Amino acid sequence: MLKVLFSRRMLAFHALVLLIVPSFIWLGFWQLDRAEQRAAAVDLQRDNVAAEPVPVEELAAVGADVDPGDRWRTVEAEGEWDTDHQLLLRNRDGSQGVGFHVLTPLVTEDGTALLVNRGWIERGETAQDTPEVPPVPQGTIEVTGRLQFGETEENTGLREHGGLPEGQIMFVDVDRLSDELPYPIYGGYVELIEQDPAPDPAPERLALREENQGMSASYAFQWWVFTIVVVVGWIVLIRRELRDPPQDGTGDEAAVGPEGEPEDDTEAEDASSDRIQRTQN
């Protein structure tokens, strides 16, 4: 039995199982951890969206990004739009396809600006065109919006590159924009929910992109099922090898001589003829 279990072929199967089983178990726990993280994100979004609005200065500050725990909180601010430093975010989704998001600074009474994503507009005829942006109301504006932390290459997967038309950017890099704008800006930015007075026409308001738990919990269960399948298959293989061990020879017994060595075909035939003749006589 030991010879069968530790044959060269079975040792290869044992090594494969020892590699696969821990890997599948680890992948299951990894997916389970992702499911817990996504569930926490769903709960955070639900609670923060439902929370009462607060002044933006309570949750944001100059030179500091937004705490991830405050993402989606509703904040309020008052100031005047600065369209001279307005920017367009490229390749952003809207109800009619890919276009631009309009990022406009709102300069508050103390001179600090809040970056506000006012919504989606259609793209021009080509990717290099800068479309016309709906105008903003003049004077003091009251805005309400969802707080977001700044965008980076790491948390968006986007890559900034040169050669873009003037006034167009790929993502809201607050650190870089703070060096380019003529006033201090709050960390993060706001997705506009409403403003007073409201312009008409206006960019299309951004819908809340709801967090979801995805399929991570299901994937964790699948990895563990795969683990059981591998172990069961391994046991079945061992049982089969023990029941029907592989044969080294052809399976047919050869004729052997007096010393246990196989006789050649000619000697076997002569011996057979002699036996037949002795029987006939």
Protein backbone atom coordinates (compact mmCIF):
# COMPACT_ATOMS: atom_id res chain seq x y z
CA MET A 1 0.00 0.00 0.00
CA LEU A 2 2.76 2.44 0.87
CA LYS A 3 4.45 1.72 -2.45
CA VAL A 4 1.26 2.75 -4.26
CA LEU A 5 0.62 5.84 -2.11
CA PHE A 6 4.16 7.11 -2.51
CA SER A 7 4.73 6.32 -6.14
CA ARG A 8 6.10 9.08 -8.32
CA ARG A 9 2.69 9.81 -9.86
CA MET A 10 0.86 9.90 -6.51
CA LEU A 11 3.49 12.15 -4.97
CA ALA A 12 2.79 14.66 -7.74
CA PHE A 13 -0.94 14.54 -6.90
CA HIS A 14 -0.24 14.95 -3.19
CA ALA A 15 1.92 18.03 -3.87
CA LEU A 16 -0.77 19.54 -6.11
CA VAL A 17 -3.46 19.06 -3.46
CA LEU A 18 -1.23 20.58 -0.76
CA LEU A 19 -0.79 23.63 -2.99
CA ILE A 20 -4.38 24.04 -4.16
CA VAL A 21 -6.31 23.45 -0.93
CA PRO A 22 -4.67 26.20 1.21
CA SER A 23 -4.87 28.59 -1.76
CA PHE A 24 -8.61 28.01 -2.24
CA ILE A 25 -9.25 28.39 1.50
CA TRP A 26 -7.31 31.68 1.54
CA LEU A 27 -9.22 32.97 -1.51
CA GLY A 28 -12.50 32.18 0.24
CA PHE A 29 -11.55 34.21 3.32
CA TRP A 30 -10.26 37.03 1.08
CA GLN A 31 -13.62 37.24 -0.70
CA LEU A 32 -15.42 37.09 2.65
CA ASP A 33 -13.33 40.02 3.88
CA ARG A 34 -14.22 41.96 0.73
CA ALA A 35 -17.89 41.22 1.36
CA GLU A 36 -17.60 42.62 4.89
CA GLN A 37 -15.86 45.76 3.60
CA ARG A 38 -18.55 46.31 0.98
CA ALA A 39 -21.29 45.76 3.55
CA ALA A 40 -19.64 48.40 5.75
CA ALA A 41 -19.49 50.80 2.78
CA VAL A 42 -23.20 50.23 2.09
CA ASP A 43 -24.05 50.97 5.72
CA LEU A 44 -21.84 54.07 5.77
CA GLN A 45 -23.39 55.47 2.62
CA ARG A 46 -26.94 54.84 3.83
CA ASP A 47 -26.29 56.45 7.21
CA ASN A 48 -24.39 59.46 5.81
CA VAL A 49 -26.95 60.19 3.10
CA ALA A 50 -29.70 60.13 5.73
CA ALA A 51 -27.81 62.42 8.13
CA GLU A 52 -28.83 66.05 8.58
CA PRO A 53 -26.94 68.65 6.50
CA VAL A 54 -24.10 70.50 8.21
CA PRO A 55 -21.96 73.50 7.21
CA VAL A 56 -19.06 72.39 5.03
CA GLU A 57 -16.46 73.82 7.42
CA GLU A 58 -17.48 71.24 10.04
CA LEU A 59 -16.27 68.34 7.87
CA ALA A 60 -13.71 69.87 5.50
CA ALA A 61 -10.67 72.06 5.94
CA VAL A 62 -8.00 73.70 3.82
CA GLY A 63 -5.02 71.44 3.25
CA ALA A 64 -6.75 68.30 4.58
CA ASP A 65 -8.66 65.75 2.58
CA VAL A 66 -12.09 64.56 3.61
CA ASP A 67 -12.23 61.78 6.18
CA PRO A 68 -13.51 58.59 4.44
CA GLY A 69 -16.02 58.25 7.27
CA ASP A 70 -17.61 61.57 6.20
CA ARG A 71 -18.03 60.63 2.54
CA TRP A 72 -21.58 61.24 1.22
CA ARG A 73 -22.46 63.54 4.11
CA THR A 74 -24.69 66.41 3.05
CA VAL A 75 -23.02 69.79 3.50
CA GLU A 76 -24.12 73.36 2.92
CA ALA A 77 -22.16 76.39 1.76
CA GLU A 78 -22.80 79.95 0.62
CA GLY A 79 -20.77 82.03 -1.80
CA GLU A 80 -20.35 83.16 -5.40
CA TRP A 81 -19.51 81.04 -8.43
CA ASP A 82 -16.12 81.62 -10.04
CA THR A 83 -16.59 80.53 -13.65
CA ASP A 84 -13.25 82.05 -14.65
CA HIS A 85 -11.57 79.05 -13.02
CA GLN A 86 -14.22 76.52 -14.00
CA LEU A 87 -12.96 73.12 -15.19
CA LEU A 88 -14.41 70.19 -17.13
CA LEU A 89 -13.86 66.59 -16.02
CA ARG A 90 -13.46 64.36 -19.06
CA ASN A 91 -15.07 60.99 -19.80
CA ARG A 92 -17.83 61.18 -17.22
CA ASP A 93 -21.11 59.28 -17.43
CA GLY A 94 -24.54 60.85 -17.66
CA SER A 95 -28.01 59.70 -18.66
CA GLN A 96 -27.19 60.26 -22.33
CA GLY A 97 -23.74 58.69 -22.39
CA VAL A 98 -20.20 59.91 -21.88
CA GLY A 99 -19.60 63.63 -21.56
CA PHE A 100 -18.18 66.09 -19.03
CA HIS A 101 -18.76 67.01 -15.42
CA VAL A 102 -18.63 70.72 -14.65
CA LEU A 103 -16.37 71.58 -11.70
CA THR A 104 -16.88 75.15 -10.52
CA PRO A 105 -15.31 76.82 -7.45
CA LEU A 106 -17.73 78.45 -5.03
CA VAL A 107 -15.88 81.26 -3.24
CA THR A 108 -17.23 81.74 0.26
CA GLU A 109 -17.39 84.96 2.27
CA ASP A 110 -14.07 84.30 4.02
CA GLY A 111 -12.28 83.83 0.68
CA THR A 112 -12.02 80.05 0.85
CA ALA A 113 -13.38 78.17 -2.16
CA LEU A 114 -15.32 74.93 -2.31
CA LEU A 115 -15.00 72.81 -5.45
CA VAL A 116 -18.48 71.87 -6.63
CA ASN A 117 -19.34 69.29 -9.28
CA ARG A 118 -22.39 70.97 -10.78
CA GLY A 119 -23.36 68.02 -12.97
CA TRP A 120 -23.09 66.44 -16.42
CA ILE A 121 -23.13 68.05 -19.87
CA GLU A 122 -22.85 66.54 -23.33
CA ARG A 123 -19.55 66.36 -25.13
CA GLY A 124 -18.82 68.26 -28.32
CA GLU A 125 -18.45 66.94 -31.84
CA THR A 126 -14.99 65.54 -31.08
CA ALA A 127 -13.08 64.62 -27.94
CA GLN A 128 -11.01 67.81 -28.28
CA ASP A 129 -14.00 70.15 -28.35
CA THR A 130 -14.97 72.17 -25.30
CA PRO A 131 -18.78 72.28 -25.15
CA GLU A 132 -20.80 75.26 -24.01
CA VAL A 133 -21.56 75.18 -20.30
CA PRO A 134 -24.89 76.46 -18.92
CA PRO A 135 -24.37 79.81 -17.14
CA VAL A 136 -24.57 80.26 -13.38
CA PRO A 137 -26.68 82.74 -11.41
CA GLN A 138 -24.90 85.90 -10.35
CA GLY A 139 -24.49 87.00 -6.77
CA THR A 140 -24.62 84.94 -3.59
CA ILE A 141 -25.65 81.30 -3.99
CA GLU A 142 -26.63 78.71 -1.39
CA VAL A 143 -25.61 75.19 -2.31
CA THR A 144 -26.24 71.76 -0.83
CA GLY A 145 -24.25 68.73 -1.89
CA ARG A 146 -22.72 65.36 -1.08
CA LEU A 147 -19.18 65.54 0.26
CA GLN A 148 -16.51 63.49 -1.54
CA PHE A 149 -12.80 63.05 -0.88
CA GLY A 150 -10.32 64.12 -3.55
CA GLU A 151 -9.69 61.93 -6.58
CA THR A 152 -6.28 60.39 -7.29
CA GLU A 153 -4.85 57.93 -9.77
CA GLU A 154 -4.97 55.29 -7.03
CA ASN A 155 -8.64 55.63 -6.02
CA THR A 156 -10.01 56.23 -9.53
CA GLY A 157 -7.80 54.17 -11.83
CA LEU A 158 -7.56 57.22 -14.12
CA ARG A 159 -4.32 58.61 -15.46
CA GLU A 160 -3.62 62.29 -16.00
CA HIS A 161 -1.91 63.01 -19.30
CA GLY A 162 -0.78 66.03 -21.24
CA GLY A 163 -2.20 67.48 -24.41
CA LEU A 164 -5.70 68.10 -23.06
CA PRO A 165 -7.62 71.16 -24.22
CA GLU A 166 -7.40 74.13 -21.89
CA GLY A 167 -9.80 73.89 -18.97
CA GLN A 168 -10.15 70.10 -19.13
CA ILE A 169 -8.81 67.62 -16.57
CA MET A 170 -9.19 63.91 -15.90
CA PHE A 171 -9.95 63.89 -12.16
CA VAL A 172 -10.28 66.17 -9.13
CA ASP A 173 -6.70 66.27 -7.86
CA VAL A 174 -7.24 68.69 -4.97
CA ASP A 175 -3.54 69.02 -4.13
CA ARG A 176 -2.67 70.05 -7.68
CA LEU A 177 -5.65 72.38 -8.03
CA SER A 178 -4.79 74.10 -4.75
CA ASP A 179 -1.49 75.17 -6.33
CA GLU A 180 -3.19 76.49 -9.47
CA LEU A 181 -6.14 78.41 -8.02
CA PRO A 182 -5.74 81.96 -6.63
CA TYR A 183 -7.40 81.21 -3.27
CA PRO A 184 -7.30 78.47 -0.64
CA ILE A 185 -9.69 75.56 -1.24
CA TYR A 186 -11.31 73.01 1.02
CA GLY A 187 -10.10 69.43 0.81
CA GLY A 188 -12.31 67.18 -1.27
CA TYR A 189 -15.22 68.45 -3.31
CA VAL A 190 -19.03 68.41 -3.36
CA GLU A 191 -21.53 66.82 -5.74
CA LEU A 192 -24.31 69.37 -6.11
CA ILE A 193 -27.77 68.33 -4.94
CA GLU A 194 -29.51 71.70 -5.10
CA GLN A 195 -28.79 75.41 -5.20
CA ASP A 196 -30.72 78.59 -4.56
CA PRO A 197 -31.38 80.38 -6.83
CA ALA A 198 -31.56 77.50 -9.32
CA PRO A 199 -30.39 78.19 -12.90
CA ASP A 200 -32.29 77.17 -15.99
CA PRO A 201 -30.85 75.51 -18.01
CA ALA A 202 -28.42 73.69 -15.74
CA PRO A 203 -26.09 70.71 -15.98
CA GLU A 204 -27.73 67.38 -15.34
CA ARG A 205 -27.64 66.59 -11.63
CA LEU A 206 -25.50 63.65 -10.61
CA ALA A 207 -27.39 60.63 -9.34
CA LEU A 208 -26.11 58.97 -6.19
CA ARG A 209 -24.00 56.01 -7.22
CA GLU A 210 -25.13 53.50 -4.63
CA GLU A 211 -22.66 51.15 -3.05
CA ASN A 212 -23.49 47.44 -3.26
CA GLN A 213 -22.18 44.28 -1.63
CA GLY A 214 -21.59 42.59 -4.97
CA MET A 215 -20.99 38.85 -5.19
CA SER A 216 -18.04 38.55 -2.82
CA ALA A 217 -19.89 36.41 -0.25
CA SER A 218 -21.06 34.07 -3.00
CA TYR A 219 -17.53 33.85 -4.40
CA ALA A 220 -16.20 32.93 -0.95
CA PHE A 221 -18.67 30.05 -0.74
CA GLN A 222 -17.66 28.90 -4.24
CA TRP A 223 -13.96 28.80 -3.34
CA TRP A 224 -14.72 26.64 -0.31
CA VAL A 225 -16.88 24.32 -2.42
CA PHE A 226 -13.95 23.99 -4.83
CA THR A 227 -11.78 23.05 -1.83
CA ILE A 228 -14.17 20.24 -0.86
CA VAL A 229 -14.29 19.00 -4.45
CA VAL A 230 -10.48 18.83 -4.59
CA VAL A 231 -10.23 16.92 -1.29
CA VAL A 232 -12.99 14.47 -2.26
CA GLY A 233 -11.37 13.92 -5.65
CA TRP A 234 -8.04 13.28 -3.95
CA ILE A 235 -9.59 10.65 -1.65
CA VAL A 236 -11.38 8.96 -4.55
CA LEU A 237 -8.10 8.80 -6.48
CA ILE A 238 -6.27 7.21 -3.53
CA ARG A 239 -9.01 4.59 -3.09
CA ARG A 240 -8.93 3.75 -6.79
CA GLU A 241 -5.14 3.42 -6.80
CA LEU A 242 -5.27 1.07 -3.80
CA ARG A 243 -8.04 -1.03 -5.33
CA ASP A 244 -6.54 -1.25 -8.83
CA PRO A 245 -2.79 -0.66 -8.59
CA PRO A 246 -1.06 -0.09 -11.95
CA GLN A 247 0.61 -3.17 -13.48
CA ASP A 248 4.29 -2.98 -14.35
CA GLY A 249 4.12 -5.72 -17.01
CA THR A 250 1.73 -6.42 -19.86
CA GLY A 251 -0.63 -8.36 -17.64
CA ASP A 252 0.01 -11.75 -19.42
CA GLU A 253 2.13 -14.38 -17.67
CA ALA A 254 5.04 -15.65 -19.78
CA ALA A 255 6.14 -19.28 -19.88
CA VAL A 256 8.96 -20.00 -17.50
CA GLY A 257 11.62 -22.65 -17.53
CA PRO A 258 12.87 -24.83 -14.72
CA GLU A 259 15.00 -22.02 -13.30
CA GLY A 260 12.14 -19.53 -13.46
CA GLU A 261 13.41 -17.92 -16.67
CA PRO A 262 11.11 -17.64 -19.69
CA GLU A 263 11.69 -20.26 -22.35
CA ASP A 264 12.16 -19.11 -25.91
CA ASP A 265 9.39 -19.81 -28.38
CA THR A 266 11.28 -22.64 -30.23
CA GLU A 267 11.94 -24.64 -27.07
CA ALA A 268 8.34 -24.23 -25.97
CA GLU A 269 7.05 -25.48 -29.32
CA ASP A 270 9.41 -28.56 -29.28
CA ALA A 271 8.34 -29.46 -25.76
CA SER A 272 4.71 -29.20 -26.76
CA SER A 273 5.28 -31.51 -29.80
CA ASP A 274 7.02 -34.12 -27.65
CA ARG A 275 4.11 -34.18 -25.22
CA ILE A 276 1.63 -34.67 -28.04
CA GLN A 277 3.65 -37.57 -29.56
CA ARG A 278 3.97 -39.33 -26.15
CA THR A 279 0.22 -39.03 -25.73
CA GLN A 280 -0.45 -40.56 -29.19
CA ASN A 281 1.94 -43.46 -28.51
